[in-house]
Amino acid sequence: MSRLFAHGSRARGVYEGVVRAYSADASMAATRAAVGGTSATGGVGEDIARRGLGAASRSASGAAVGASAGARDVAREGDVASDGGGRSRAGAKSASSGRGLSEKFGKDVVDDIYRGSFRSQTGVSLKYMLDFGAQPIHRQLMVSAQFLHKELPVRLAHRVAELENLPFGLSDMSQVLDVRDWYVESFTELRTFPPVETMEDEEKFTNMLKRIMTRHENVVPMIARAVLELKEQLAAQRPNAGEAPKGAQARRGGTFATTDLNEFPEVHQFLDGFYMSRIGMRMLIGQHVALHDPPKESYIGLICTSLSPMEVARDAIADARSICMREYGDAPEVELFGQEDFTFAYVPGHLHQMLFELVKNSLRAVSDRYLDSNETPPPIRVVIAEGAEDVTIKVSDEGGGIRRSGLEKIWTYLYSTARSPLKDMDADSAGPVVLAGYGYGLPLSRLYARYFGGDLQVLSMENYGTDAYLHLNRLGVASEPLP
């Protein structure tokens, strides 16, 4: 812990440098929606300052883009398309009528969003979060709030610009428009919030961040529903492109995608970047909010400085087996191997989510393979290895494996053999939604691993089983891989 305290002042200097760099950018002073950095983040702040006039000159084009969004909505009213199956997409498009950015939020907000979308984002490493939060005194909380006050509008602006320019008509879908509006509302709240100069300001700002977190809870399932609808529309145009489910998958109502998102790399690239950005924003906000909580042993905000991967693995295994028991009435055994006394600094929630997904997939594969067999299913093996740079966790099963030709599809969003939840999900449903059947588990798990400089790899032997390797960077020096 003494090492963390020693580095606290240096980390605080990084955050303060970000704030100072943005205060110097006159073109964004009115909106306070800028972002910057210091030499520790690659000179981002200096680069932003140099580009200030350029960004200001581009605001005119940004306004034009925003205005075009309104014009585009008007055009949509007369553009009722139908797919090969004769199903009209008027429902999705009619929801966008009159919902252009300029009309709904005003030209000034649109101008600010598009100016912000030209700004560079500032990545933060796990180590900086640890060093900065080691002493969450008033000064640190103030600087953290000031940093988020400058950084979050830029990240939100980038995402709004993306949501307005998605391929294949995704930007027209009602779910995407709802998500876009949430992002614009959050951007506007941050933009209009006064400078954080007192602890009273900081408290109000933190309460606003909590509201923003709640507002964005359902972003993932909303985007998932939009993309799933797109896949259904494309599949209707090519009704013979898919493969019917067989065996246990058919008995459980599973469906294979009739349209492979690998054929549309633009969609996959957008989803990767969008969800990585969401992970980052929720981590930064969650860390700031958690620093206000009463001190908890071995914790700095959301980060556990002495995290036992064995303990997290046991919890994830128990949760995954519970799901398997509920689905199949039984669950294969899971064997866990590793050093009980090994700990490192990481976010428990992230690790639990990744391990839960991997173990759940293995349990499902083994259960499916032995569903009609009298043999005892072989156990899943989870092995945790401590390395000098990485912590590697291997999850192995004998669930039959994956064909080599289909291995890349496991990273494709919405590729799932579980029953699609789209028909069961009310468009106006609120609260967290379980994503079983969306096919998001592995792609999102890989993003969580990569967020702090790790990775997730899957190797398979067809007709035998699968090995998943989860690599976690234990040094904590990797900066956020921002899109």
Protein backbone atom coordinates (compact mmCIF):
# COMPACT_ATOMS: atom_id res chain seq x y z
CA MET A 1 0.00 0.00 0.00
CA SER A 2 2.90 2.37 0.65
CA ARG A 3 3.86 2.08 -3.01
CA LEU A 4 0.37 3.19 -4.02
CA PHE A 5 0.56 6.20 -1.71
CA ALA A 6 3.95 7.14 -3.12
CA HIS A 7 2.57 7.23 -6.64
CA GLY A 8 -0.59 9.12 -5.72
CA SER A 9 0.80 12.59 -6.34
CA ARG A 10 2.15 11.61 -9.76
CA ALA A 11 -1.22 10.19 -10.83
CA ARG A 12 -2.96 13.30 -9.51
CA GLY A 13 -0.65 15.37 -11.69
CA VAL A 14 -1.88 13.50 -14.77
CA TYR A 15 -5.52 14.26 -13.99
CA GLU A 16 -4.75 17.89 -13.20
CA GLY A 17 -2.74 18.18 -16.40
CA VAL A 18 -5.75 16.99 -18.36
CA VAL A 19 -7.94 19.64 -16.79
CA ARG A 20 -5.39 22.43 -17.38
CA ALA A 21 -4.89 21.42 -21.00
CA TYR A 22 -8.57 21.75 -21.67
CA SER A 23 -8.97 25.01 -19.86
CA ALA A 24 -6.47 26.41 -22.35
CA ASP A 25 -8.63 25.45 -25.32
CA ALA A 26 -10.69 28.58 -25.91
CA SER A 27 -12.75 27.07 -28.69
CA MET A 28 -14.42 24.70 -26.24
CA ALA A 29 -14.42 26.86 -23.11
CA ALA A 30 -18.04 27.82 -23.58
CA THR A 31 -19.23 24.23 -23.57
CA ARG A 32 -16.57 22.79 -21.26
CA ALA A 33 -16.79 19.60 -23.34
CA ALA A 34 -13.13 19.05 -24.11
CA VAL A 35 -10.52 16.48 -23.20
CA GLY A 36 -6.74 16.44 -22.95
CA GLY A 37 -3.68 14.85 -21.39
CA THR A 38 -0.07 15.15 -20.36
CA SER A 39 3.12 13.56 -21.48
CA ALA A 40 2.09 10.46 -19.54
CA THR A 41 -0.77 9.98 -22.01
CA GLY A 42 1.24 10.63 -25.12
CA GLY A 43 0.93 14.41 -25.20
CA VAL A 44 -2.76 14.30 -26.03
CA GLY A 45 -3.48 17.58 -24.27
CA GLU A 46 -0.78 19.44 -26.19
CA ASP A 47 -2.07 17.97 -29.43
CA ILE A 48 -5.59 19.08 -28.62
CA ALA A 49 -4.41 22.58 -27.80
CA ARG A 50 -2.58 22.77 -31.13
CA ARG A 51 -5.68 21.59 -32.94
CA GLY A 52 -8.05 23.95 -31.12
CA LEU A 53 -8.49 26.38 -33.99
CA GLY A 54 -8.83 23.52 -36.44
CA ALA A 55 -11.58 21.98 -34.37
CA ALA A 56 -13.35 25.32 -34.14
CA SER A 57 -13.23 25.76 -37.90
CA ARG A 58 -14.69 22.28 -38.32
CA SER A 59 -17.66 23.18 -36.13
CA ALA A 60 -19.39 24.67 -39.14
CA SER A 61 -19.22 21.36 -40.95
CA GLY A 62 -20.38 19.67 -37.76
CA ALA A 63 -23.43 21.90 -37.69
CA ALA A 64 -24.09 21.05 -41.31
CA VAL A 65 -23.93 17.37 -40.47
CA GLY A 66 -26.32 17.92 -37.59
CA ALA A 67 -28.71 19.81 -39.82
CA SER A 68 -28.53 17.03 -42.37
CA ALA A 69 -29.68 14.62 -39.67
CA GLY A 70 -32.95 16.50 -39.46
CA ALA A 71 -33.30 16.58 -43.22
CA ARG A 72 -32.57 12.88 -43.33
CA ASP A 73 -35.44 12.20 -40.94
CA VAL A 74 -37.83 14.13 -43.17
CA ALA A 75 -36.69 12.08 -46.13
CA ARG A 76 -37.26 8.90 -44.16
CA GLU A 77 -40.97 9.59 -43.88
CA GLY A 78 -41.39 8.97 -47.59
CA ASP A 79 -38.91 6.13 -47.73
CA VAL A 80 -40.83 3.07 -46.60
CA ALA A 81 -38.76 0.09 -47.67
CA SER A 82 -39.75 -3.54 -47.66
CA ASP A 83 -37.52 -6.56 -47.62
CA GLY A 84 -37.60 -9.70 -49.76
CA GLY A 85 -40.19 -11.29 -47.48
CA GLY A 86 -42.60 -8.42 -47.99
CA ARG A 87 -42.30 -7.15 -44.43
CA SER A 88 -42.35 -3.38 -44.20
CA ARG A 89 -39.68 -1.54 -42.24
CA ALA A 90 -41.98 1.45 -41.88
CA GLY A 91 -42.41 0.75 -38.17
CA ALA A 92 -38.75 1.18 -37.41
CA LYS A 93 -38.42 4.21 -39.63
CA SER A 94 -41.59 5.98 -38.60
CA ALA A 95 -40.27 6.10 -35.05
CA SER A 96 -37.53 8.38 -36.30
CA SER A 97 -39.88 10.94 -37.84
CA GLY A 98 -39.29 14.33 -36.30
CA ARG A 99 -36.50 12.95 -34.14
CA GLY A 100 -33.55 14.58 -35.88
CA LEU A 101 -30.86 15.86 -33.56
CA SER A 102 -31.33 19.51 -34.46
CA GLU A 103 -35.10 19.41 -34.10
CA LYS A 104 -35.08 17.57 -30.80
CA PHE A 105 -32.06 19.01 -29.01
CA GLY A 106 -31.30 22.28 -30.76
CA LYS A 107 -28.57 23.42 -33.10
CA ASP A 108 -26.18 24.49 -30.32
CA VAL A 109 -26.16 21.01 -28.81
CA VAL A 110 -25.60 19.43 -32.22
CA ASP A 111 -22.72 21.82 -32.93
CA ASP A 112 -21.11 20.95 -29.61
CA ILE A 113 -21.52 17.22 -30.20
CA TYR A 114 -19.85 17.32 -33.57
CA ARG A 115 -17.05 19.52 -32.31
CA GLY A 116 -16.53 17.06 -29.50
CA SER A 117 -16.50 14.15 -31.94
CA PHE A 118 -13.30 15.57 -33.47
CA ARG A 119 -11.53 15.64 -30.11
CA SER A 120 -9.14 12.94 -28.97
CA GLN A 121 -10.08 10.80 -25.99
CA THR A 122 -7.76 10.28 -23.03
CA GLY A 123 -7.10 6.69 -22.01
CA VAL A 124 -6.46 5.83 -18.37
CA SER A 125 -4.63 2.72 -17.14
CA LEU A 126 -5.47 0.49 -14.19
CA LYS A 127 -2.24 1.59 -12.51
CA TYR A 128 -3.21 5.26 -12.73
CA MET A 129 -6.60 4.50 -11.23
CA LEU A 130 -4.87 2.73 -8.36
CA ASP A 131 -2.27 5.43 -7.82
CA PHE A 132 -4.76 8.26 -8.03
CA GLY A 133 -7.36 6.67 -5.77
CA ALA A 134 -4.90 5.54 -3.09
CA GLN A 135 -5.77 8.64 -1.04
CA PRO A 136 -9.34 9.67 -1.92
CA ILE A 137 -9.15 12.98 -0.08
CA HIS A 138 -11.19 15.96 -1.16
CA ARG A 139 -8.53 17.20 -3.56
CA GLN A 140 -8.42 13.90 -5.46
CA LEU A 141 -12.21 13.73 -5.69
CA MET A 142 -12.29 17.28 -7.05
CA VAL A 143 -9.66 16.58 -9.69
CA SER A 144 -11.37 13.32 -10.67
CA ALA A 145 -14.68 15.14 -11.12
CA GLN A 146 -13.01 17.86 -13.18
CA PHE A 147 -11.37 15.24 -15.39
CA LEU A 148 -14.67 13.45 -16.00
CA HIS A 149 -16.39 16.78 -16.61
CA LYS A 150 -14.01 17.33 -19.53
CA GLU A 151 -13.57 13.74 -20.74
CA LEU A 152 -17.04 12.22 -20.71
CA PRO A 153 -18.65 14.71 -23.14
CA VAL A 154 -15.96 13.91 -25.69
CA ARG A 155 -16.51 10.17 -25.39
CA LEU A 156 -20.27 10.64 -25.62
CA ALA A 157 -19.88 12.88 -28.67
CA HIS A 158 -17.85 10.21 -30.46
CA ARG A 159 -20.57 7.66 -29.85
CA VAL A 160 -23.40 9.96 -30.96
CA ALA A 161 -21.56 10.65 -34.22
CA GLU A 162 -21.24 6.89 -34.75
CA LEU A 163 -24.88 6.21 -33.96
CA GLU A 164 -25.90 8.80 -36.54
CA ASN A 165 -23.87 7.18 -39.32
CA LEU A 166 -24.37 3.42 -39.03
CA PRO A 167 -24.59 1.22 -42.14
CA PHE A 168 -27.55 -0.83 -43.40
CA GLY A 169 -30.16 1.51 -41.93
CA LEU A 170 -29.24 0.79 -38.31
CA SER A 171 -29.31 4.50 -37.50
CA ASP A 172 -33.01 4.54 -38.46
CA MET A 173 -34.09 1.84 -36.03
CA SER A 174 -36.12 2.91 -33.03
CA GLN A 175 -33.82 1.17 -30.52
CA VAL A 176 -30.74 2.93 -31.90
CA LEU A 177 -32.57 6.25 -31.87
CA ASP A 178 -33.48 5.72 -28.23
CA VAL A 179 -29.87 4.94 -27.33
CA ARG A 180 -28.69 7.95 -29.31
CA ASP A 181 -31.12 10.14 -27.38
CA TRP A 182 -29.81 8.78 -24.05
CA TYR A 183 -26.28 9.68 -25.09
CA VAL A 184 -27.31 13.16 -26.19
CA GLU A 185 -29.22 13.73 -22.94
CA SER A 186 -26.16 12.72 -20.93
CA PHE A 187 -23.94 14.90 -23.10
CA THR A 188 -26.28 17.85 -22.53
CA GLU A 189 -26.33 17.33 -18.76
CA LEU A 190 -22.54 17.31 -18.64
CA ARG A 191 -22.26 20.25 -21.03
CA THR A 192 -24.57 22.45 -18.98
CA PHE A 193 -23.13 21.48 -15.61
CA PRO A 194 -21.05 24.37 -14.21
CA PRO A 195 -17.32 23.99 -13.50
CA VAL A 196 -16.60 21.78 -10.49
CA GLU A 197 -14.88 24.18 -8.09
CA THR A 198 -16.16 23.25 -4.63
CA MET A 199 -16.94 20.04 -2.79
CA GLU A 200 -20.61 20.93 -3.02
CA ASP A 201 -20.22 21.06 -6.81
CA GLU A 202 -18.43 17.72 -6.71
CA GLU A 203 -21.25 16.11 -4.74
CA LYS A 204 -23.87 17.36 -7.20
CA PHE A 205 -21.71 16.22 -10.12
CA THR A 206 -21.35 12.73 -8.63
CA ASN A 207 -25.12 12.46 -8.17
CA MET A 208 -25.53 13.39 -11.83
CA LEU A 209 -23.09 10.64 -12.82
CA LYS A 210 -25.20 8.13 -10.90
CA ARG A 211 -28.25 9.21 -12.90
CA ILE A 212 -26.31 8.82 -16.14
CA MET A 213 -25.26 5.30 -15.15
CA THR A 214 -28.89 4.37 -14.52
CA ARG A 215 -30.04 5.93 -17.79
CA HIS A 216 -27.59 3.80 -19.79
CA GLU A 217 -28.28 0.46 -18.10
CA ASN A 218 -30.17 -1.01 -21.05
CA VAL A 219 -27.86 0.16 -23.83
CA VAL A 220 -26.48 -3.31 -24.62
CA PRO A 221 -29.83 -5.12 -25.03
CA MET A 222 -31.29 -2.19 -26.98
CA ILE A 223 -28.46 -2.24 -29.51
CA ALA A 224 -28.66 -6.04 -29.57
CA ARG A 225 -32.33 -5.91 -30.49
CA ALA A 226 -31.63 -3.46 -33.31
CA VAL A 227 -28.86 -5.61 -34.77
CA LEU A 228 -30.96 -8.75 -34.40
CA GLU A 229 -33.80 -7.09 -36.29
CA LEU A 230 -31.32 -6.14 -39.01
CA LYS A 231 -30.18 -9.75 -39.24
CA GLU A 232 -33.76 -10.96 -39.54
CA GLN A 233 -34.43 -8.47 -42.33
CA LEU A 234 -31.31 -9.52 -44.20
CA ALA A 235 -32.10 -13.19 -43.61
CA ALA A 236 -35.57 -12.73 -45.09
CA GLN A 237 -33.94 -11.55 -48.28
CA ARG A 238 -31.79 -14.71 -48.34
CA PRO A 239 -34.05 -17.39 -46.82
CA ASN A 240 -31.77 -20.29 -47.75
CA ALA A 241 -28.56 -18.80 -46.41
CA GLY A 242 -28.74 -20.40 -43.00
CA GLU A 243 -28.50 -23.80 -41.41
CA ALA A 244 -31.30 -25.37 -39.41
CA PRO A 245 -30.49 -26.29 -35.83
CA LYS A 246 -30.07 -29.97 -35.11
CA GLY A 247 -30.04 -32.35 -32.18
CA ALA A 248 -30.03 -30.89 -28.69
CA GLN A 249 -29.89 -27.36 -30.07
CA ALA A 250 -33.15 -27.90 -31.96
CA ARG A 251 -34.81 -29.46 -28.92
CA ARG A 252 -34.00 -26.37 -26.87
CA GLY A 253 -35.30 -24.02 -29.55
CA GLY A 254 -31.87 -22.87 -30.68
CA THR A 255 -31.39 -20.99 -33.93
CA PHE A 256 -28.39 -20.42 -36.09
CA ALA A 257 -28.00 -17.01 -37.66
CA THR A 258 -29.17 -17.11 -41.26
CA THR A 259 -27.01 -14.09 -41.95
CA ASP A 260 -23.40 -14.06 -40.82
CA LEU A 261 -22.25 -10.73 -39.40
CA ASN A 262 -18.75 -11.63 -40.59
CA GLU A 263 -20.11 -10.64 -43.99
CA PHE A 264 -20.66 -7.13 -42.61
CA PRO A 265 -17.42 -6.06 -40.93
CA GLU A 266 -18.68 -2.49 -40.56
CA VAL A 267 -21.34 -3.65 -38.10
CA HIS A 268 -18.92 -5.80 -36.15
CA GLN A 269 -16.34 -3.01 -36.00
CA PHE A 270 -18.96 -0.57 -34.74
CA LEU A 271 -20.14 -2.96 -32.02
CA ASP A 272 -16.59 -3.66 -30.84
CA GLY A 273 -15.79 0.05 -30.59
CA PHE A 274 -19.14 1.03 -29.12
CA TYR A 275 -19.08 -1.57 -26.36
CA MET A 276 -15.41 -0.97 -25.56
CA SER A 277 -16.21 2.71 -25.11
CA ARG A 278 -19.16 1.81 -22.90
CA ILE A 279 -16.97 -0.40 -20.71
CA GLY A 280 -14.53 2.48 -20.35
CA MET A 281 -17.12 5.11 -19.46
CA ARG A 282 -18.83 2.88 -16.92
CA MET A 283 -15.47 2.00 -15.39
CA LEU A 284 -14.44 5.65 -15.01
CA ILE A 285 -17.81 6.70 -13.61
CA GLY A 286 -18.07 3.66 -11.37
CA GLN A 287 -14.55 4.21 -10.03
CA HIS A 288 -15.27 7.86 -9.23
CA VAL A 289 -18.55 7.03 -7.50
CA ALA A 290 -16.99 4.14 -5.54
CA LEU A 291 -14.26 6.41 -4.17
CA HIS A 292 -17.01 8.12 -2.15
CA ASP A 293 -17.94 4.89 -0.37
CA PRO A 294 -16.61 4.11 3.11
CA PRO A 295 -13.09 2.62 2.93
CA LYS A 296 -13.07 -1.11 2.31
CA GLU A 297 -10.04 -3.25 3.03
CA SER A 298 -7.96 -4.05 -0.07
CA TYR A 299 -10.19 -1.93 -2.30
CA ILE A 300 -9.54 1.33 -4.15
CA GLY A 301 -12.88 2.18 -5.67
CA LEU A 302 -13.96 -0.76 -7.82
CA ILE A 303 -10.46 -2.25 -7.90
CA CYS A 304 -9.39 -4.92 -5.44
CA THR A 305 -5.67 -4.60 -4.74
CA SER A 306 -5.47 -8.16 -3.39
CA LEU A 307 -7.86 -10.02 -5.63
CA SER A 308 -7.81 -13.81 -5.31
CA PRO A 309 -8.62 -15.29 -8.73
CA MET A 310 -9.35 -18.60 -7.00
CA GLU A 311 -12.13 -17.00 -4.93
CA VAL A 312 -13.62 -15.23 -7.94
CA ALA A 313 -13.44 -18.46 -9.94
CA ARG A 314 -15.31 -20.37 -7.22
CA ASP A 315 -18.10 -17.80 -7.25
CA ALA A 316 -18.30 -17.79 -11.05
CA ILE A 317 -18.34 -21.60 -11.16
CA ALA A 318 -21.13 -21.76 -8.59
CA ASP A 319 -23.21 -19.22 -10.52
CA ALA A 320 -22.66 -20.98 -13.85
CA ARG A 321 -23.52 -24.41 -12.41
CA SER A 322 -26.67 -22.95 -10.92
CA ILE A 323 -27.76 -21.77 -14.38
CA CYS A 324 -26.90 -25.18 -15.83
CA MET A 325 -28.89 -26.98 -13.12
CA ARG A 326 -31.89 -24.79 -13.85
CA GLU A 327 -31.65 -25.46 -17.60
CA TYR A 328 -30.76 -29.16 -17.65
CA GLY A 329 -31.63 -30.44 -14.19
CA ASP A 330 -28.00 -31.37 -13.61
CA ALA A 331 -24.53 -29.92 -14.15
CA PRO A 332 -21.11 -31.43 -14.87
CA GLU A 333 -18.47 -31.11 -12.20
CA VAL A 334 -15.89 -28.32 -12.41
CA GLU A 335 -12.34 -28.87 -11.13
CA LEU A 336 -10.32 -25.81 -10.07
CA PHE A 337 -6.52 -25.71 -9.91
CA GLY A 338 -4.28 -22.84 -8.76
CA GLN A 339 -2.39 -21.19 -5.90
CA GLU A 340 -4.75 -20.29 -3.07
CA ASP A 341 -2.53 -17.50 -1.74
CA PHE A 342 -1.95 -15.73 -5.06
CA THR A 343 -3.48 -12.24 -5.41
CA PHE A 344 -3.17 -9.32 -7.81
CA ALA A 345 -4.90 -6.00 -8.53
CA TYR A 346 -7.97 -6.24 -10.74
CA VAL A 347 -11.69 -5.45 -10.96
CA PRO A 348 -13.61 -8.39 -9.42
CA GLY A 349 -16.76 -7.68 -11.42
CA HIS A 350 -14.90 -7.86 -14.72
CA LEU A 351 -13.15 -11.12 -13.85
CA HIS A 352 -16.33 -12.73 -12.57
CA GLN A 353 -18.20 -11.86 -15.75
CA MET A 354 -15.49 -13.33 -17.99
CA LEU A 355 -15.08 -16.54 -15.99
CA PHE A 356 -18.82 -17.01 -15.61
CA GLU A 357 -19.25 -16.80 -19.38
CA LEU A 358 -16.44 -19.25 -20.14
CA VAL A 359 -17.53 -21.82 -17.55
CA LYS A 360 -21.18 -21.48 -18.57
CA ASN A 361 -20.31 -22.15 -22.21
CA SER A 362 -18.30 -25.23 -21.26
CA LEU A 363 -21.06 -26.57 -19.02
CA ARG A 364 -23.56 -26.10 -21.82
CA ALA A 365 -21.35 -27.80 -24.41
CA VAL A 366 -20.74 -30.83 -22.19
CA SER A 367 -24.40 -31.04 -21.15
CA ASP A 368 -25.53 -30.93 -24.77
CA ARG A 369 -23.07 -33.63 -25.81
CA TYR A 370 -24.07 -36.00 -23.02
CA LEU A 371 -27.77 -35.12 -22.96
CA ASP A 372 -28.87 -38.52 -24.34
CA SER A 373 -25.98 -40.52 -22.91
CA ASN A 374 -25.81 -42.77 -19.87
CA GLU A 375 -22.14 -41.89 -19.38
CA THR A 376 -21.04 -39.53 -16.64
CA PRO A 377 -20.09 -36.21 -18.26
CA PRO A 378 -16.38 -35.42 -17.94
CA PRO A 379 -15.53 -32.48 -15.65
CA ILE A 380 -14.61 -28.99 -16.81
CA ARG A 381 -11.11 -28.00 -15.70
CA VAL A 382 -10.21 -24.43 -14.69
CA VAL A 383 -6.48 -23.79 -14.26
CA ILE A 384 -5.07 -20.48 -12.94
CA ALA A 385 -1.39 -19.74 -13.61
CA GLU A 386 0.62 -16.82 -12.22
CA GLY A 387 3.08 -15.29 -14.67
CA ALA A 388 5.49 -12.37 -14.40
CA GLU A 389 3.39 -10.18 -16.72
CA ASP A 390 0.08 -12.01 -17.08
CA VAL A 391 -2.32 -14.07 -15.08
CA THR A 392 -3.58 -16.81 -17.41
CA ILE A 393 -6.73 -18.79 -16.76
CA LYS A 394 -7.55 -21.84 -18.87
CA VAL A 395 -11.05 -23.29 -19.05
CA SER A 396 -11.07 -26.74 -20.70
CA ASP A 397 -13.98 -28.97 -21.60
CA GLU A 398 -14.75 -32.13 -23.54
CA GLY A 399 -17.96 -30.83 -25.04
CA GLY A 400 -17.26 -31.81 -28.64
CA GLY A 401 -15.39 -28.72 -29.75
CA ILE A 402 -16.05 -26.38 -32.66
CA ARG A 403 -15.37 -26.92 -36.33
CA ARG A 404 -12.32 -24.97 -37.46
CA SER A 405 -14.36 -23.31 -40.20
CA GLY A 406 -16.77 -21.96 -37.59
CA LEU A 407 -14.31 -20.91 -34.92
CA GLU A 408 -14.25 -17.25 -35.97
CA LYS A 409 -18.03 -17.05 -35.70
CA ILE A 410 -17.90 -17.32 -31.92
CA TRP A 411 -16.57 -13.74 -31.87
CA THR A 412 -19.44 -12.53 -34.04
CA TYR A 413 -22.12 -10.61 -32.18
CA LEU A 414 -25.49 -12.33 -32.06
CA TYR A 415 -24.10 -15.71 -33.12
CA SER A 416 -25.82 -18.01 -30.66
CA THR A 417 -27.43 -21.43 -30.53
CA ALA A 418 -29.71 -20.37 -27.69
CA ARG A 419 -33.28 -19.33 -28.35
CA SER A 420 -33.48 -15.71 -29.44
CA PRO A 421 -34.96 -13.46 -26.72
CA LEU A 422 -36.04 -10.77 -29.18
CA LYS A 423 -39.65 -11.89 -29.35
CA ASP A 424 -39.87 -12.09 -25.55
CA MET A 425 -38.46 -8.65 -24.84
CA ASP A 426 -40.89 -5.77 -24.56
CA ALA A 427 -39.69 -2.74 -26.44
CA ASP A 428 -40.45 -0.61 -23.39
CA SER A 429 -38.98 -2.99 -20.83
CA ALA A 430 -36.82 -1.40 -18.17
CA GLY A 431 -34.10 -2.66 -15.91
CA PRO A 432 -31.14 -4.93 -16.60
CA VAL A 433 -31.85 -7.63 -19.17
CA VAL A 434 -30.12 -11.01 -19.25
CA LEU A 435 -28.35 -11.44 -22.58
CA ALA A 436 -28.59 -15.22 -22.82
CA GLY A 437 -29.36 -16.04 -26.43
CA TYR A 438 -28.05 -12.78 -27.84
CA GLY A 439 -24.62 -14.30 -28.49
CA TYR A 440 -22.84 -11.44 -26.74
CA GLY A 441 -21.06 -13.42 -24.03
CA LEU A 442 -17.75 -14.23 -25.71
CA PRO A 443 -17.33 -10.99 -27.71
CA LEU A 444 -18.01 -8.89 -24.62
CA SER A 445 -15.74 -11.05 -22.48
CA ARG A 446 -12.91 -10.48 -24.92
CA LEU A 447 -13.51 -6.73 -24.76
CA TYR A 448 -13.39 -6.82 -20.95
CA ALA A 449 -10.10 -8.72 -21.13
CA ARG A 450 -8.62 -6.29 -23.65
CA TYR A 451 -9.78 -3.22 -21.73
CA PHE A 452 -6.89 -3.54 -19.26
CA GLY A 453 -4.39 -4.99 -21.75
CA GLY A 454 -5.35 -8.67 -21.64
CA ASP A 455 -6.95 -10.96 -24.20
CA LEU A 456 -9.17 -13.99 -24.67
CA GLN A 457 -8.34 -16.85 -27.04
CA VAL A 458 -10.27 -20.00 -27.85
CA LEU A 459 -8.70 -23.16 -29.28
CA SER A 460 -10.79 -26.14 -30.25
CA MET A 461 -10.45 -29.79 -31.28
CA GLU A 462 -13.49 -30.81 -33.28
CA ASN A 463 -15.24 -33.87 -31.85
CA TYR A 464 -13.29 -33.54 -28.58
CA GLY A 465 -13.42 -30.22 -26.75
CA THR A 466 -12.41 -26.61 -26.35
CA ASP A 467 -9.75 -24.71 -24.41
CA ALA A 468 -10.30 -21.02 -23.61
CA TYR A 469 -7.30 -18.97 -22.49
CA LEU A 470 -8.02 -15.79 -20.55
CA HIS A 471 -4.94 -13.55 -20.28
CA LEU A 472 -5.02 -10.72 -17.72
CA ASN A 473 -2.31 -8.06 -17.63
CA ARG A 474 -1.15 -7.98 -14.00
CA LEU A 475 1.17 -4.98 -14.50
CA GLY A 476 -1.76 -2.60 -15.00
CA VAL A 477 0.19 -0.25 -17.27
CA ALA A 478 -1.87 -0.68 -20.46
CA SER A 479 -4.02 2.33 -21.27
CA GLU A 480 -7.64 1.96 -22.34
CA PRO A 481 -7.89 0.85 -26.01
CA LEU A 482 -10.28 3.62 -26.94
CA PRO A 483 -12.00 3.47 -30.35
